[in-house]
Structures are given as structure tokens and as C-alpha cells.
């Protein structure tokens, strides 16, 4: 059985004011924590669902094997 990993990161963060998943949290972007936990669980990189303005953490994650889908 294979497991597909999809991280939802297409929100506009209108109330937050800046891209929420790029906000620093304990030394790294919030979105990076999500990806680190997926890796810690032993799962392979999957797809990050983004808007036309992808968060910076997602763009960096492409180098680690994640796929971005708009």
C-alpha cells in the first residue's frame, strides 16, 4: 500500500497579514515543521498544494523532493 502525502498551503493568510506558513516558529518557518514531522514519520515527500504565490518554505522544499501543485 502506498500513502500519498498532500500538504495544503494555498491559503491567502488575509487575517494573519503575511504568509502564515512562512512565519518563524522556534527557529524555522511553520510550514517547515510540518515537512520535518512527515520526514520523521518515515514518509517520502509528496505534494504541497500552493496558490500562484507559493510560500517560501514550499519553494525551498522542492529541492528536497517535494512537488508543488497550484
PDB file of N, CA and C in Angstrom:
ATOM      1  N   UNK A   1       0.845  -1.176   0.000  1.00  0.00           N
ATOM      2  CA  UNK A   1       0.000   0.000   0.000  1.00  0.00           C
ATOM      3  C   UNK A   1       0.893   1.242   0.000  1.00  0.00           C
ATOM      4  N   UNK A   2       0.536   2.228  -0.808  1.00  0.00           N
ATOM      5  CA  UNK A   2       1.308   3.463  -0.812  1.00  0.00           C
ATOM      6  C   UNK A   2       0.456   4.588  -0.226  1.00  0.00           C
ATOM      7  N   UNK A   3       1.128   5.515   0.405  1.00  0.00           N
ATOM      8  CA  UNK A   3       0.442   6.633   1.049  1.00  0.00           C
ATOM      9  C   UNK A   3       0.817   7.905   0.306  1.00  0.00           C
ATOM     10  N   UNK A   4      -0.178   8.675  -0.111  1.00  0.00           N
ATOM     11  CA  UNK A   4       0.076   9.965  -0.742  1.00  0.00           C
ATOM     12  C   UNK A   4       0.039  11.064   0.305  1.00  0.00           C
ATOM     13  N   UNK A   5       1.063  11.888   0.313  1.00  0.00           N
ATOM     14  CA  UNK A   5       1.156  12.982   1.264  1.00  0.00           C
ATOM     15  C   UNK A   5       0.849  14.287   0.533  1.00  0.00           C
ATOM     16  N   UNK A   6      -0.137  15.014   1.037  1.00  0.00           N
ATOM     17  CA  UNK A   6      -0.502  16.311   0.480  1.00  0.00           C
ATOM     18  C   UNK A   6      -0.531  17.331   1.608  1.00  0.00           C
ATOM     19  N   UNK A   7       0.221  18.405   1.446  1.00  0.00           N
ATOM     20  CA  UNK A   7       0.253  19.483   2.432  1.00  0.00           C
ATOM     21  C   UNK A   7      -0.487  20.671   1.820  1.00  0.00           C
ATOM     22  N   UNK A   8      -1.523  21.131   2.496  1.00  0.00           N
ATOM     23  CA  UNK A   8      -2.315  22.253   1.996  1.00  0.00           C
ATOM     24  C   UNK A   8      -1.675  23.574   2.425  1.00  0.00           C
ATOM     25  N   UNK A   9      -1.210  24.346   1.443  1.00  0.00           N
ATOM     26  CA  UNK A   9      -0.516  25.603   1.738  1.00  0.00           C
ATOM     27  C   UNK A   9      -0.935  26.698   0.754  1.00  0.00           C
ATOM     28  N   UNK A  10      -2.203  26.696   0.362  1.00  0.00           N
ATOM     29  CA  UNK A  10      -2.680  27.652  -0.640  1.00  0.00           C
ATOM     30  C   UNK A  10      -3.507  28.779  -0.042  1.00  0.00           C
ATOM     31  N   UNK A  11      -3.585  28.848   1.262  1.00  0.00           N
ATOM     32  CA  UNK A  11      -4.376  29.894   1.895  1.00  0.00           C
ATOM     33  C   UNK A  11      -3.807  31.284   1.651  1.00  0.00           C
ATOM     34  N   UNK A  12      -4.644  32.278   1.748  1.00  0.00           N
ATOM     35  CA  UNK A  12      -4.233  33.661   1.491  1.00  0.00           C
ATOM     36  C   UNK A  12      -3.675  34.360   2.730  1.00  0.00           C
ATOM     37  N   UNK A  13      -3.919  33.842   3.913  1.00  0.00           N
ATOM     38  CA  UNK A  13      -3.455  34.446   5.183  1.00  0.00           C
ATOM     39  C   UNK A  13      -3.884  35.899   5.297  1.00  0.00           C
ATOM     40  N   UNK A  14      -5.076  36.220   4.849  1.00  0.00           N
ATOM     41  CA  UNK A  14      -5.551  37.607   4.879  1.00  0.00           C
ATOM     42  C   UNK A  14      -5.595  38.177   6.291  1.00  0.00           C
ATOM     43  N   UNK A  15      -6.139  37.440   7.228  1.00  0.00           N
ATOM     44  CA  UNK A  15      -6.229  37.959   8.603  1.00  0.00           C
ATOM     45  C   UNK A  15      -4.864  37.987   9.279  1.00  0.00           C
ATOM     46  N   UNK A  16      -3.985  37.057   8.915  1.00  0.00           N
ATOM     47  CA  UNK A  16      -2.661  36.985   9.526  1.00  0.00           C
ATOM     48  C   UNK A  16      -1.772  38.118   9.011  1.00  0.00           C
ATOM     49  N   UNK A  17      -1.973  38.498   7.746  1.00  0.00           N
ATOM     50  CA  UNK A  17      -1.238  39.625   7.184  1.00  0.00           C
ATOM     51  C   UNK A  17      -0.015  39.272   6.356  1.00  0.00           C
ATOM     52  N   UNK A  18       0.605  38.162   6.629  1.00  0.00           N
ATOM     53  CA  UNK A  18       1.756  37.677   5.862  1.00  0.00           C
ATOM     54  C   UNK A  18       1.559  36.177   5.660  1.00  0.00           C
ATOM     55  N   UNK A  19       2.313  35.571   4.750  1.00  0.00           N
ATOM     56  CA  UNK A  19       2.171  34.117   4.561  1.00  0.00           C
ATOM     57  C   UNK A  19       2.401  33.367   5.884  1.00  0.00           C
ATOM     58  N   UNK A  20       1.344  32.796   6.405  1.00  0.00           N
ATOM     59  CA  UNK A  20       1.368  32.172   7.732  1.00  0.00           C
ATOM     60  C   UNK A  20       2.390  31.039   7.827  1.00  0.00           C
ATOM     61  N   UNK A  21       2.475  30.207   6.815  1.00  0.00           N
ATOM     62  CA  UNK A  21       3.368  29.058   6.888  1.00  0.00           C
ATOM     63  C   UNK A  21       4.839  29.435   6.739  1.00  0.00           C
ATOM     64  N   UNK A  22       5.115  30.690   6.350  1.00  0.00           N
ATOM     65  CA  UNK A  22       6.492  31.189   6.325  1.00  0.00           C
ATOM     66  C   UNK A  22       6.856  31.910   7.619  1.00  0.00           C
ATOM     67  N   UNK A  23       5.890  32.095   8.513  1.00  0.00           N
ATOM     68  CA  UNK A  23       6.152  32.800   9.773  1.00  0.00           C
ATOM     69  C   UNK A  23       7.124  31.991  10.624  1.00  0.00           C
ATOM     70  N   UNK A  24       8.097  32.658  11.247  1.00  0.00           N
ATOM     71  CA  UNK A  24       9.058  31.936  12.088  1.00  0.00           C
ATOM     72  C   UNK A  24       8.402  31.348  13.329  1.00  0.00           C
ATOM     73  N   UNK A  25       8.798  30.138  13.638  1.00  0.00           N
ATOM     74  CA  UNK A  25       8.307  29.437  14.823  1.00  0.00           C
ATOM     75  C   UNK A  25       9.457  28.585  15.347  1.00  0.00           C
ATOM     76  N   UNK A  26      10.007  28.966  16.482  1.00  0.00           N
ATOM     77  CA  UNK A  26      11.117  28.222  17.102  1.00  0.00           C
ATOM     78  C   UNK A  26      12.267  27.992  16.130  1.00  0.00           C
ATOM     79  N   UNK A  27      12.612  29.034  15.386  1.00  0.00           N
ATOM     80  CA  UNK A  27      13.810  28.973  14.565  1.00  0.00           C
ATOM     81  C   UNK A  27      13.645  28.514  13.121  1.00  0.00           C
ATOM     82  N   UNK A  28      12.440  28.180  12.712  1.00  0.00           N
ATOM     83  CA  UNK A  28      12.223  27.813  11.307  1.00  0.00           C
ATOM     84  C   UNK A  28      10.794  28.156  10.921  1.00  0.00           C
ATOM     85  N   UNK A  29      10.515  28.241   9.622  1.00  0.00           N
ATOM     86  CA  UNK A  29       9.149  28.557   9.199  1.00  0.00           C
ATOM     87  C   UNK A  29       8.163  27.483   9.673  1.00  0.00           C
ATOM     88  N   UNK A  30       6.959  27.916   9.995  1.00  0.00           N
ATOM     89  CA  UNK A  30       5.933  26.997  10.466  1.00  0.00           C
ATOM     90  C   UNK A  30       5.725  25.832   9.498  1.00  0.00           C
ATOM     91  N   UNK A  31       5.684  26.122   8.214  1.00  0.00           N
ATOM     92  CA  UNK A  31       5.498  25.064   7.215  1.00  0.00           C
ATOM     93  C   UNK A  31       6.628  24.049   7.208  1.00  0.00           C
ATOM     94  N   UNK A  32       7.843  24.489   7.508  1.00  0.00           N
ATOM     95  CA  UNK A  32       8.984  23.576   7.558  1.00  0.00           C
ATOM     96  C   UNK A  32       8.822  22.552   8.678  1.00  0.00           C
ATOM     97  N   UNK A  33       8.160  22.950   9.775  1.00  0.00           N
ATOM     98  CA  UNK A  33       7.893  21.998  10.868  1.00  0.00           C
ATOM     99  C   UNK A  33       7.000  20.862  10.378  1.00  0.00           C
ATOM    100  N   UNK A  34       6.011  21.206   9.567  1.00  0.00           N
ATOM    101  CA  UNK A  34       5.099  20.189   9.029  1.00  0.00           C
ATOM    102  C   UNK A  34       5.889  19.174   8.207  1.00  0.00           C
ATOM    103  N   UNK A  35       6.744  19.679   7.312  1.00  0.00           N
ATOM    104  CA  UNK A  35       7.527  18.788   6.457  1.00  0.00           C
ATOM    105  C   UNK A  35       8.503  17.936   7.272  1.00  0.00           C
ATOM    106  N   UNK A  36       9.080  18.519   8.309  1.00  0.00           N
ATOM    107  CA  UNK A  36      10.007  17.770   9.165  1.00  0.00           C
ATOM    108  C   UNK A  36       9.297  16.624   9.887  1.00  0.00           C
ATOM    109  N   UNK A  37       8.067  16.855  10.316  1.00  0.00           N
ATOM    110  CA  UNK A  37       7.317  15.800  11.001  1.00  0.00           C
ATOM    111  C   UNK A  37       6.943  14.667  10.039  1.00  0.00           C
ATOM    112  N   UNK A  38       6.643  15.014   8.816  1.00  0.00           N
ATOM    113  CA  UNK A  38       6.353  13.990   7.806  1.00  0.00           C
ATOM    114  C   UNK A  38       7.592  13.135   7.579  1.00  0.00           C
ATOM    115  N   UNK A  39       8.747  13.788   7.456  1.00  0.00           N
ATOM    116  CA  UNK A  39      10.003  13.059   7.288  1.00  0.00           C
ATOM    117  C   UNK A  39      10.302  12.196   8.515  1.00  0.00           C
ATOM    118  N   UNK A  40      10.084  12.736   9.722  1.00  0.00           N
ATOM    119  CA  UNK A  40      10.344  11.993  10.956  1.00  0.00           C
ATOM    120  C   UNK A  40       9.460  10.753  11.057  1.00  0.00           C
ATOM    121  N   UNK A  41       8.295  10.807  10.428  1.00  0.00           N
ATOM    122  CA  UNK A  41       7.389   9.656  10.431  1.00  0.00           C
ATOM    123  C   UNK A  41       7.820   8.602   9.419  1.00  0.00           C
ATOM    124  N   UNK A  42       8.889   8.885   8.688  1.00  0.00           N
ATOM    125  CA  UNK A  42       9.404   7.917   7.725  1.00  0.00           C
ATOM    126  C   UNK A  42       8.680   7.931   6.385  1.00  0.00           C
ATOM    127  N   UNK A  43       7.951   9.000   6.120  1.00  0.00           N
ATOM    128  CA  UNK A  43       7.199   9.093   4.874  1.00  0.00           C
ATOM    129  C   UNK A  43       7.978   9.894   3.839  1.00  0.00           C
ATOM    130  N   UNK A  44       7.816   9.520   2.591  1.00  0.00           N
ATOM    131  CA  UNK A  44       8.504  10.197   1.494  1.00  0.00           C
ATOM    132  C   UNK A  44       7.832  11.535   1.198  1.00  0.00           C
ATOM    133  N   UNK A  45       8.601  12.482   0.649  1.00  0.00           N
ATOM    134  CA  UNK A  45       7.998  13.747   0.257  1.00  0.00           C
ATOM    135  C   UNK A  45       6.852  13.528  -0.720  1.00  0.00           C
ATOM    136  N   UNK A  46       5.865  14.399  -0.644  1.00  0.00           N
ATOM    137  CA  UNK A  46       4.712  14.292  -1.516  1.00  0.00           C
ATOM    138  C   UNK A  46       4.481  15.577  -2.267  1.00  0.00           C
ATOM    139  N   UNK A  47       3.276  16.091  -2.189  1.00  0.00           N
ATOM    140  CA  UNK A  47       2.877  17.281  -2.932  1.00  0.00           C
ATOM    141  C   UNK A  47       2.428  18.371  -1.970  1.00  0.00           C
ATOM    142  N   UNK A  48       2.881  19.578  -2.231  1.00  0.00           N
ATOM    143  CA  UNK A  48       2.435  20.741  -1.473  1.00  0.00           C
ATOM    144  C   UNK A  48       1.506  21.527  -2.396  1.00  0.00           C
ATOM    145  N   UNK A  49       0.269  21.694  -1.971  1.00  0.00           N
ATOM    146  CA  UNK A  49      -0.712  22.444  -2.739  1.00  0.00           C
ATOM    147  C   UNK A  49      -0.531  23.922  -2.404  1.00  0.00           C
ATOM    148  N   UNK A  50      -0.226  24.740  -3.416  1.00  0.00           N
ATOM    149  CA  UNK A  50       0.060  26.149  -3.201  1.00  0.00           C
ATOM    150  C   UNK A  50      -0.808  27.021  -4.112  1.00  0.00           C
ATOM    151  N   UNK A  51      -0.869  28.314  -3.797  1.00  0.00           N
ATOM    152  CA  UNK A  51      -1.516  29.276  -4.686  1.00  0.00           C
ATOM    153  C   UNK A  51      -0.464  29.763  -5.687  1.00  0.00           C
ATOM    154  N   UNK A  52      -0.840  30.696  -6.544  1.00  0.00           N
ATOM    155  CA  UNK A  52       0.105  31.236  -7.528  1.00  0.00           C
ATOM    156  C   UNK A  52       1.322  31.861  -6.846  1.00  0.00           C
ATOM    157  N   UNK A  53       1.139  32.397  -5.647  1.00  0.00           N
ATOM    158  CA  UNK A  53       2.249  32.939  -4.856  1.00  0.00           C
ATOM    159  C   UNK A  53       2.614  31.918  -3.781  1.00  0.00           C
ATOM    160  N   UNK A  54       3.429  30.961  -4.156  1.00  0.00           N
ATOM    161  CA  UNK A  54       3.796  29.874  -3.247  1.00  0.00           C
ATOM    162  C   UNK A  54       4.600  30.396  -2.068  1.00  0.00           C
ATOM    163  N   UNK A  55       4.345  29.870  -0.869  1.00  0.00           N
ATOM    164  CA  UNK A  55       5.149  30.266   0.294  1.00  0.00           C
ATOM    165  C   UNK A  55       6.619  29.869   0.096  1.00  0.00           C
ATOM    166  N   UNK A  56       7.495  30.659   0.672  1.00  0.00           N
ATOM    167  CA  UNK A  56       8.936  30.424   0.526  1.00  0.00           C
ATOM    168  C   UNK A  56       9.347  29.032   1.013  1.00  0.00           C
ATOM    169  N   UNK A  57       8.762  28.560   2.128  1.00  0.00           N
ATOM    170  CA  UNK A  57       9.139  27.241   2.647  1.00  0.00           C
ATOM    171  C   UNK A  57       8.858  26.155   1.611  1.00  0.00           C
ATOM    172  N   UNK A  58       7.775  26.326   0.834  1.00  0.00           N
ATOM    173  CA  UNK A  58       7.406  25.329  -0.177  1.00  0.00           C
ATOM    174  C   UNK A  58       8.379  25.348  -1.345  1.00  0.00           C
ATOM    175  N   UNK A  59       8.764  26.542  -1.762  1.00  0.00           N
ATOM    176  CA  UNK A  59       9.731  26.662  -2.861  1.00  0.00           C
ATOM    177  C   UNK A  59      11.038  25.994  -2.470  1.00  0.00           C
ATOM    178  N   UNK A  60      11.483  26.198  -1.245  1.00  0.00           N
ATOM    179  CA  UNK A  60      12.710  25.549  -0.759  1.00  0.00           C
ATOM    180  C   UNK A  60      12.544  24.030  -0.679  1.00  0.00           C
ATOM    181  N   UNK A  61      11.345  23.562  -0.371  1.00  0.00           N
ATOM    182  CA  UNK A  61      11.102  22.124  -0.220  1.00  0.00           C
ATOM    183  C   UNK A  61      11.218  21.374  -1.538  1.00  0.00           C
ATOM    184  N   UNK A  62      11.069  22.077  -2.653  1.00  0.00           N
ATOM    185  CA  UNK A  62      11.232  21.416  -3.962  1.00  0.00           C
ATOM    186  C   UNK A  62      12.613  20.798  -4.085  1.00  0.00           C
ATOM    187  N   UNK A  63      13.629  21.435  -3.499  1.00  0.00           N
ATOM    188  CA  UNK A  63      14.994  20.905  -3.545  1.00  0.00           C
ATOM    189  C   UNK A  63      15.125  19.579  -2.801  1.00  0.00           C
ATOM    190  N   UNK A  64      14.183  19.336  -1.864  1.00  0.00           N
ATOM    191  CA  UNK A  64      14.217  18.106  -1.077  1.00  0.00           C
ATOM    192  C   UNK A  64      13.264  17.037  -1.624  1.00  0.00           C
ATOM    193  N   UNK A  65      12.769  17.245  -2.841  1.00  0.00           N
ATOM    194  CA  UNK A  65      11.962  16.215  -3.462  1.00  0.00           C
ATOM    195  C   UNK A  65      10.461  16.427  -3.412  1.00  0.00           C
ATOM    196  N   UNK A  66      10.000  17.507  -2.813  1.00  0.00           N
ATOM    197  CA  UNK A  66       8.576  17.811  -2.776  1.00  0.00           C
ATOM    198  C   UNK A  66       8.146  18.366  -4.120  1.00  0.00           C
ATOM    199  N   UNK A  67       6.897  18.082  -4.504  1.00  0.00           N
ATOM    200  CA  UNK A  67       6.304  18.606  -5.724  1.00  0.00           C
ATOM    201  C   UNK A  67       5.336  19.709  -5.347  1.00  0.00           C
ATOM    202  N   UNK A  68       5.339  20.810  -6.112  1.00  0.00           N
ATOM    203  CA  UNK A  68       4.393  21.879  -5.879  1.00  0.00           C
ATOM    204  C   UNK A  68       3.283  21.780  -6.925  1.00  0.00           C
ATOM    205  N   UNK A  69       2.058  21.932  -6.484  1.00  0.00           N
ATOM    206  CA  UNK A  69       0.896  21.931  -7.379  1.00  0.00           C
ATOM    207  C   UNK A  69       0.059  23.162  -7.094  1.00  0.00           C
ATOM    208  N   UNK A  70      -0.213  23.938  -8.135  1.00  0.00           N
ATOM    209  CA  UNK A  70      -1.011  25.158  -7.982  1.00  0.00           C
ATOM    210  C   UNK A  70      -2.477  24.805  -8.135  1.00  0.00           C
TER     211      UNK A  70
END
